[in-house]
Amino acid sequence: MDERDKLASLDKEVAVISQRLDTIQNNHLTHIEKDMAGIKKVIYSVGFLVFSNLLGWIFAITLKMF
């Protein structure tokens, strides 16, 4: 193998790596971000329900005292 063959081989490998990085960046990261947004919505919903339930308990205990 001479230098030109080695450079051509490396050039092909770099092109494949570049294409794979582009696929990850444009496709997979978008899906991950979408999934994370859904998880955040669930966490906020559960947090709101727990907080409102806690307020309900405090209100019920306060009414029993009077």
N, C-alpha and C. Protein backbone atom coordinates (compact mmCIF):
# COMPACT_ATOMS: atom_id res chain seq x y z
N MET A 1 0.83 -1.18 0.00
CA MET A 1 0.00 0.00 0.00
C MET A 1 0.88 1.24 0.00
N ASP A 2 0.63 2.09 -0.92
CA ASP A 2 1.42 3.32 -0.92
C ASP A 2 0.65 4.43 -0.20
N GLU A 3 1.24 5.60 -0.18
CA GLU A 3 0.67 6.72 0.58
C GLU A 3 -0.70 7.13 0.07
N ARG A 4 -0.90 7.09 -1.24
CA ARG A 4 -2.19 7.50 -1.80
C ARG A 4 -3.30 6.55 -1.36
N ASP A 5 -3.03 5.26 -1.33
CA ASP A 5 -4.02 4.29 -0.90
C ASP A 5 -4.37 4.49 0.57
N LYS A 6 -3.35 4.76 1.39
CA LYS A 6 -3.59 4.99 2.81
C LYS A 6 -4.44 6.25 3.02
N LEU A 7 -4.12 7.31 2.28
CA LEU A 7 -4.87 8.55 2.41
C LEU A 7 -6.32 8.36 1.92
N ALA A 8 -6.50 7.61 0.85
CA ALA A 8 -7.85 7.34 0.34
C ALA A 8 -8.65 6.54 1.36
N SER A 9 -7.99 5.56 1.99
CA SER A 9 -8.66 4.75 3.00
C SER A 9 -9.05 5.60 4.21
N LEU A 10 -8.14 6.43 4.66
CA LEU A 10 -8.44 7.32 5.79
C LEU A 10 -9.54 8.31 5.44
N ASP A 11 -9.53 8.80 4.22
CA ASP A 11 -10.56 9.74 3.78
C ASP A 11 -11.93 9.07 3.81
N LYS A 12 -12.01 7.83 3.39
CA LYS A 12 -13.28 7.09 3.43
C LYS A 12 -13.74 6.88 4.86
N GLU A 13 -12.82 6.53 5.75
CA GLU A 13 -13.17 6.32 7.15
C GLU A 13 -13.67 7.61 7.80
N VAL A 14 -13.01 8.71 7.50
CA VAL A 14 -13.44 10.00 8.04
C VAL A 14 -14.83 10.36 7.52
N ALA A 15 -15.10 10.08 6.26
CA ALA A 15 -16.41 10.36 5.69
C ALA A 15 -17.49 9.53 6.38
N VAL A 16 -17.20 8.26 6.67
CA VAL A 16 -18.17 7.40 7.35
C VAL A 16 -18.42 7.90 8.77
N ILE A 17 -17.36 8.26 9.47
CA ILE A 17 -17.50 8.79 10.84
C ILE A 17 -18.29 10.09 10.82
N SER A 18 -18.02 10.94 9.86
CA SER A 18 -18.73 12.21 9.75
C SER A 18 -20.22 11.97 9.50
N GLN A 19 -20.53 11.01 8.65
CA GLN A 19 -21.93 10.70 8.37
C GLN A 19 -22.63 10.15 9.61
N ARG A 20 -21.96 9.30 10.36
CA ARG A 20 -22.55 8.74 11.58
C ARG A 20 -22.78 9.83 12.62
N LEU A 21 -21.84 10.75 12.78
CA LEU A 21 -22.02 11.85 13.72
C LEU A 21 -23.19 12.74 13.30
N ASP A 22 -23.31 12.98 12.01
CA ASP A 22 -24.42 13.77 11.50
C ASP A 22 -25.75 13.09 11.80
N THR A 23 -25.80 11.78 11.62
CA THR A 23 -27.03 11.02 11.90
C THR A 23 -27.38 11.12 13.38
N ILE A 24 -26.40 10.96 14.23
CA ILE A 24 -26.64 11.05 15.68
C ILE A 24 -27.12 12.45 16.04
N GLN A 25 -26.46 13.46 15.51
CA GLN A 25 -26.80 14.83 15.86
C GLN A 25 -28.19 15.21 15.38
N ASN A 26 -28.54 14.85 14.19
CA ASN A 26 -29.80 15.31 13.60
C ASN A 26 -30.98 14.41 13.89
N ASN A 27 -30.74 13.17 14.20
CA ASN A 27 -31.87 12.25 14.38
C ASN A 27 -32.02 11.83 15.84
N HIS A 28 -31.02 11.24 16.39
CA HIS A 28 -31.13 10.66 17.72
C HIS A 28 -31.28 11.73 18.80
N LEU A 29 -30.55 12.82 18.69
CA LEU A 29 -30.65 13.86 19.71
C LEU A 29 -32.03 14.50 19.72
N THR A 30 -32.66 14.59 18.56
CA THR A 30 -34.01 15.14 18.50
C THR A 30 -34.98 14.24 19.25
N HIS A 31 -34.84 12.94 19.06
CA HIS A 31 -35.72 12.00 19.76
C HIS A 31 -35.46 12.02 21.26
N ILE A 32 -34.22 12.13 21.65
CA ILE A 32 -33.89 12.18 23.08
C ILE A 32 -34.48 13.44 23.71
N GLU A 33 -34.35 14.57 23.02
CA GLU A 33 -34.91 15.81 23.55
C GLU A 33 -36.43 15.72 23.68
N LYS A 34 -37.08 15.09 22.72
CA LYS A 34 -38.53 14.92 22.77
C LYS A 34 -38.92 14.04 23.96
N ASP A 35 -38.17 12.95 24.18
CA ASP A 35 -38.44 12.07 25.31
C ASP A 35 -38.22 12.80 26.64
N MET A 36 -37.18 13.60 26.72
CA MET A 36 -36.90 14.34 27.95
C MET A 36 -38.01 15.35 28.23
N ALA A 37 -38.56 15.98 27.20
CA ALA A 37 -39.67 16.93 27.40
C ALA A 37 -40.88 16.20 27.96
N GLY A 38 -41.14 14.99 27.47
CA GLY A 38 -42.26 14.20 28.00
C GLY A 38 -42.04 13.80 29.44
N ILE A 39 -40.82 13.44 29.78
CA ILE A 39 -40.50 13.07 31.16
C ILE A 39 -40.67 14.27 32.09
N LYS A 40 -40.25 15.46 31.63
CA LYS A 40 -40.42 16.66 32.44
C LYS A 40 -41.90 16.94 32.71
N LYS A 41 -42.74 16.75 31.70
CA LYS A 41 -44.17 16.97 31.89
C LYS A 41 -44.72 16.03 32.95
N VAL A 42 -44.30 14.79 32.93
CA VAL A 42 -44.77 13.81 33.92
C VAL A 42 -44.29 14.20 35.31
N ILE A 43 -43.04 14.59 35.43
CA ILE A 43 -42.50 14.97 36.74
C ILE A 43 -43.23 16.19 37.29
N TYR A 44 -43.48 17.21 36.45
CA TYR A 44 -44.21 18.38 36.91
C TYR A 44 -45.63 18.02 37.31
N SER A 45 -46.27 17.15 36.56
CA SER A 45 -47.64 16.74 36.89
C SER A 45 -47.68 16.01 38.23
N VAL A 46 -46.77 15.10 38.45
CA VAL A 46 -46.72 14.37 39.71
C VAL A 46 -46.42 15.32 40.86
N GLY A 47 -45.50 16.24 40.65
CA GLY A 47 -45.17 17.23 41.69
C GLY A 47 -46.37 18.09 42.05
N PHE A 48 -47.11 18.51 41.03
CA PHE A 48 -48.32 19.30 41.29
C PHE A 48 -49.35 18.51 42.07
N LEU A 49 -49.54 17.25 41.71
CA LEU A 49 -50.51 16.41 42.42
C LEU A 49 -50.11 16.19 43.88
N VAL A 50 -48.83 15.95 44.12
CA VAL A 50 -48.35 15.75 45.49
C VAL A 50 -48.54 17.03 46.30
N PHE A 51 -48.19 18.16 45.71
CA PHE A 51 -48.33 19.44 46.41
C PHE A 51 -49.80 19.75 46.72
N SER A 52 -50.68 19.53 45.74
CA SER A 52 -52.10 19.81 45.99
C SER A 52 -52.68 18.84 47.01
N ASN A 53 -52.21 17.61 47.03
CA ASN A 53 -52.66 16.65 48.03
C ASN A 53 -52.19 17.07 49.42
N LEU A 54 -50.98 17.55 49.52
CA LEU A 54 -50.45 18.04 50.79
C LEU A 54 -51.27 19.23 51.29
N LEU A 55 -51.60 20.15 50.40
CA LEU A 55 -52.44 21.29 50.80
C LEU A 55 -53.81 20.82 51.26
N GLY A 56 -54.35 19.81 50.61
CA GLY A 56 -55.64 19.26 51.03
C GLY A 56 -55.57 18.67 52.41
N TRP A 57 -54.50 17.95 52.72
CA TRP A 57 -54.35 17.38 54.06
C TRP A 57 -54.22 18.48 55.12
N ILE A 58 -53.44 19.49 54.82
CA ILE A 58 -53.28 20.60 55.76
C ILE A 58 -54.61 21.29 55.99
N PHE A 59 -55.37 21.51 54.94
CA PHE A 59 -56.68 22.14 55.06
C PHE A 59 -57.63 21.28 55.89
N ALA A 60 -57.62 19.96 55.65
CA ALA A 60 -58.50 19.05 56.40
C ALA A 60 -58.11 19.02 57.87
N ILE A 61 -56.83 18.99 58.19
CA ILE A 61 -56.38 18.97 59.58
C ILE A 61 -56.75 20.30 60.27
N THR A 62 -56.61 21.39 59.55
CA THR A 62 -56.95 22.69 60.10
C THR A 62 -58.43 22.78 60.43
N LEU A 63 -59.27 22.22 59.56
CA LEU A 63 -60.72 22.26 59.82
C LEU A 63 -61.11 21.39 61.00
N LYS A 64 -60.40 20.30 61.23
CA LYS A 64 -60.70 19.42 62.38
C LYS A 64 -60.35 20.09 63.69
N MET A 65 -59.38 20.99 63.67
CA MET A 65 -58.96 21.65 64.89
C MET A 65 -60.00 22.64 65.39
N PHE A 66 -60.81 23.19 64.51
CA PHE A 66 -61.78 24.21 64.92
C PHE A 66 -63.12 23.62 65.08
